[in-house]
Amino acid sequence: MYCIIVRTELKPGNREQFLDAMLDNARASVRDEPGCLVFDVIEDREIPDCFHLYEIYRDEQALAAHKETPHYRASREVVTPLIAAQSVIRADVLGCNPELR
């Protein structure tokens, strides 16, 4: 399995708009994409306007397919102008909830 962890720092004052778009994207990804196993949206407790996306896909092809979906494209259209900085960790999943395998 393939994982990405996306750290997103927002421009101040954009929390609600970001969450509206990102939570819709996360729900649709898990619901509609067989290759998307986990899509968690996490708010940092210590850094204001900082969020982490924890996503697990069956493989890199499933992530590529995710980026072609209408819900992904719609969310990117909304969130891209709200972002001050973003970084991505790409990783292989070595252990997780056995129900995901």
C-alpha atoms as a PDB file:
ATOM      1  CA  MET A   1       0.000   0.000   0.000  1.00  0.00           C
ATOM      2  CA  TYR A   2       1.042   3.547  -0.686  1.00  0.00           C
ATOM      3  CA  CYS A   3       0.665   6.497   1.672  1.00  0.00           C
ATOM      4  CA  ILE A   4       0.964  10.235   1.362  1.00  0.00           C
ATOM      5  CA  ILE A   5       0.948  12.667   4.241  1.00  0.00           C
ATOM      6  CA  VAL A   6       0.255  16.188   3.057  1.00  0.00           C
ATOM      7  CA  ARG A   7       1.075  19.082   5.395  1.00  0.00           C
ATOM      8  CA  THR A   8      -0.863  22.211   4.490  1.00  0.00           C
ATOM      9  CA  GLU A   9      -0.430  25.641   6.013  1.00  0.00           C
ATOM     10  CA  LEU A  10      -3.276  27.976   5.132  1.00  0.00           C
ATOM     11  CA  LYS A  11      -3.294  31.705   4.712  1.00  0.00           C
ATOM     12  CA  PRO A  12      -5.017  33.074   7.851  1.00  0.00           C
ATOM     13  CA  GLY A  13      -8.809  33.144   7.888  1.00  0.00           C
ATOM     14  CA  ASN A  14      -9.429  30.281   5.466  1.00  0.00           C
ATOM     15  CA  ARG A  15     -10.085  27.370   7.841  1.00  0.00           C
ATOM     16  CA  GLU A  16     -13.807  26.914   7.177  1.00  0.00           C
ATOM     17  CA  GLN A  17     -13.553  27.227   3.400  1.00  0.00           C
ATOM     18  CA  PHE A  18     -10.660  24.740   3.355  1.00  0.00           C
ATOM     19  CA  LEU A  19     -12.511  22.234   5.550  1.00  0.00           C
ATOM     20  CA  ASP A  20     -15.729  22.464   3.534  1.00  0.00           C
ATOM     21  CA  ALA A  21     -13.871  21.503   0.360  1.00  0.00           C
ATOM     22  CA  MET A  22     -11.394  19.039   1.868  1.00  0.00           C
ATOM     23  CA  LEU A  23     -13.886  17.080   3.973  1.00  0.00           C
ATOM     24  CA  ASP A  24     -16.130  16.648   0.912  1.00  0.00           C
ATOM     25  CA  ASN A  25     -13.122  15.422  -1.065  1.00  0.00           C
ATOM     26  CA  ALA A  26     -12.099  13.006   1.695  1.00  0.00           C
ATOM     27  CA  ARG A  27     -15.602  11.516   2.025  1.00  0.00           C
ATOM     28  CA  ALA A  28     -16.007  11.097  -1.741  1.00  0.00           C
ATOM     29  CA  SER A  29     -12.531   9.572  -2.082  1.00  0.00           C
ATOM     30  CA  VAL A  30     -13.181   6.780   0.424  1.00  0.00           C
ATOM     31  CA  ARG A  31     -16.777   6.275  -0.720  1.00  0.00           C
ATOM     32  CA  ASP A  32     -16.242   6.324  -4.497  1.00  0.00           C
ATOM     33  CA  GLU A  33     -12.672   5.176  -5.117  1.00  0.00           C
ATOM     34  CA  PRO A  34     -11.941   1.476  -4.581  1.00  0.00           C
ATOM     35  CA  GLY A  35      -8.212   2.262  -4.443  1.00  0.00           C
ATOM     36  CA  CYS A  36      -8.527   4.878  -1.668  1.00  0.00           C
ATOM     37  CA  LEU A  37      -8.494   3.069   1.670  1.00  0.00           C
ATOM     38  CA  VAL A  38      -8.004   5.965   4.099  1.00  0.00           C
ATOM     39  CA  PHE A  39      -8.371   9.727   3.781  1.00  0.00           C
ATOM     40  CA  ASP A  40      -8.122  11.470   7.131  1.00  0.00           C
ATOM     41  CA  VAL A  41      -8.174  15.250   7.534  1.00  0.00           C
ATOM     42  CA  ILE A  42      -6.265  16.228  10.679  1.00  0.00           C
ATOM     43  CA  GLU A  43      -6.064  19.659  12.291  1.00  0.00           C
ATOM     44  CA  ASP A  44      -2.829  20.521  14.099  1.00  0.00           C
ATOM     45  CA  ARG A  45      -3.471  21.463  17.740  1.00  0.00           C
ATOM     46  CA  GLU A  46      -0.332  23.556  18.093  1.00  0.00           C
ATOM     47  CA  ILE A  47      -0.023  25.382  14.787  1.00  0.00           C
ATOM     48  CA  PRO A  48      -2.963  27.556  13.734  1.00  0.00           C
ATOM     49  CA  ASP A  49      -4.204  27.070  10.175  1.00  0.00           C
ATOM     50  CA  CYS A  50      -2.141  23.891   9.747  1.00  0.00           C
ATOM     51  CA  PHE A  51      -3.690  20.639   8.526  1.00  0.00           C
ATOM     52  CA  HIS A  52      -2.401  17.197   7.659  1.00  0.00           C
ATOM     53  CA  LEU A  53      -3.985  14.820   5.173  1.00  0.00           C
ATOM     54  CA  TYR A  54      -3.267  11.150   5.813  1.00  0.00           C
ATOM     55  CA  GLU A  55      -4.124   9.106   2.745  1.00  0.00           C
ATOM     56  CA  ILE A  56      -3.596   5.411   2.024  1.00  0.00           C
ATOM     57  CA  TYR A  57      -4.059   3.971  -1.466  1.00  0.00           C
ATOM     58  CA  ARG A  58      -3.723   0.433  -2.747  1.00  0.00           C
ATOM     59  CA  ASP A  59      -0.831   1.613  -4.908  1.00  0.00           C
ATOM     60  CA  GLU A  60       0.570   4.649  -6.720  1.00  0.00           C
ATOM     61  CA  GLN A  61      -1.813   4.077  -9.639  1.00  0.00           C
ATOM     62  CA  ALA A  62      -4.779   4.488  -7.284  1.00  0.00           C
ATOM     63  CA  LEU A  63      -3.383   7.849  -6.184  1.00  0.00           C
ATOM     64  CA  ALA A  64      -2.978   8.868  -9.827  1.00  0.00           C
ATOM     65  CA  ALA A  65      -6.595   7.850 -10.473  1.00  0.00           C
ATOM     66  CA  HIS A  66      -7.688   9.890  -7.424  1.00  0.00           C
ATOM     67  CA  LYS A  67      -6.173  13.012  -8.983  1.00  0.00           C
ATOM     68  CA  GLU A  68      -8.402  12.553 -12.048  1.00  0.00           C
ATOM     69  CA  THR A  69     -11.699  12.453 -10.135  1.00  0.00           C
ATOM     70  CA  PRO A  70     -14.205  15.318 -10.238  1.00  0.00           C
ATOM     71  CA  HIS A  71     -14.226  15.642  -6.424  1.00  0.00           C
ATOM     72  CA  TYR A  72     -10.430  15.997  -6.305  1.00  0.00           C
ATOM     73  CA  ARG A  73     -10.393  18.584  -9.064  1.00  0.00           C
ATOM     74  CA  ALA A  74     -13.246  20.547  -7.453  1.00  0.00           C
ATOM     75  CA  SER A  75     -11.455  20.595  -4.094  1.00  0.00           C
ATOM     76  CA  ARG A  76      -8.164  21.717  -5.642  1.00  0.00           C
ATOM     77  CA  GLU A  77      -9.911  24.586  -7.354  1.00  0.00           C
ATOM     78  CA  VAL A  78     -11.160  25.826  -3.985  1.00  0.00           C
ATOM     79  CA  VAL A  79      -8.173  25.091  -1.744  1.00  0.00           C
ATOM     80  CA  THR A  80      -5.207  26.017  -3.938  1.00  0.00           C
ATOM     81  CA  PRO A  81      -5.626  29.793  -3.465  1.00  0.00           C
ATOM     82  CA  LEU A  82      -5.995  29.289   0.317  1.00  0.00           C
ATOM     83  CA  ILE A  83      -2.615  27.581   0.768  1.00  0.00           C
ATOM     84  CA  ALA A  84       0.434  29.420   2.104  1.00  0.00           C
ATOM     85  CA  ALA A  85       2.725  26.358   2.051  1.00  0.00           C
ATOM     86  CA  GLN A  86       2.415  22.646   1.392  1.00  0.00           C
ATOM     87  CA  SER A  87       4.701  19.633   1.622  1.00  0.00           C
ATOM     88  CA  VAL A  88       4.221  15.913   0.963  1.00  0.00           C
ATOM     89  CA  ILE A  89       5.711  12.783   2.495  1.00  0.00           C
ATOM     90  CA  ARG A  90       5.475   9.721   0.237  1.00  0.00           C
ATOM     91  CA  ALA A  91       5.767   6.352   1.960  1.00  0.00           C
ATOM     92  CA  ASP A  92       5.068   2.650   1.795  1.00  0.00           C
ATOM     93  CA  VAL A  93       2.694   1.262   4.440  1.00  0.00           C
ATOM     94  CA  LEU A  94       4.359  -1.541   6.386  1.00  0.00           C
ATOM     95  CA  GLY A  95       1.714  -2.072   9.050  1.00  0.00           C
ATOM     96  CA  CYS A  96      -1.830  -0.864   9.579  1.00  0.00           C
ATOM     97  CA  ASN A  97      -5.350  -1.909  10.527  1.00  0.00           C
ATOM     98  CA  PRO A  98      -5.691  -5.471   9.174  1.00  0.00           C
ATOM     99  CA  GLU A  99      -9.137  -4.655   7.752  1.00  0.00           C
ATOM    100  CA  LEU A 100      -7.458  -2.448   5.121  1.00  0.00           C
ATOM    101  CA  ARG A 101      -5.530  -5.296   3.562  1.00  0.00           C
END
